[in-house]
């Protein structure tokens, strides 16, 4: 059974040997959080926005505002892992609904294939400002939402950045966009599809 995974292991090891992954290794996960005694706490995170698109056809309010207002009605704030834009992720073809490629075969498109201008900080800066004003955290989820490296088990068709310089440039681009839109320095980041090659 393990023989089936040997080629995958060789590919991952070869990618690591290139040296590009070493630049990203110092990134640390938040593994422990000291909670205030007696408080009830839940961390809520939302990926791939901000979006003006409604959560279902026929709706009139965008998903990001629905989430923000729901949280605020309970005196809560969330972390919104925002993207810059997926509008540059073409040429591509739509994927099969319900599959891992539902929003594009080669690239991700948010909120859906062909509707990229309805989501992302580049196209929805007012939503980002509104989130920041509402006390929500804006986290860097990468500008183009490309994989940071190969993820062959699920996203073997997907494009990824060819090296650490491209990853860092993409992260820096969105970092600056978040800072300019929100007036705050982003403190958190989450890789697209949580590719972890360390």
Foldseek 3Di string as FASTA:
>chain_A
DCVVCVVVVVVLVVLVVVVQCVVVVVDDDPDDDDDDPPDDDDADEAEEFDFQPPPDPPDRGGPLVVVLVVQVVVPHAYEYAFAAWQVPVDDWDADDPPAPRRATQAFHAPPHHPPGLRGHCNNPLVSLQVNLVSVYAYAHAWHNLAACDDDCPRNNNYDHDPGNVVRVVRSVVVQVSSCVSHVDRHDHYAYRVRDDSD
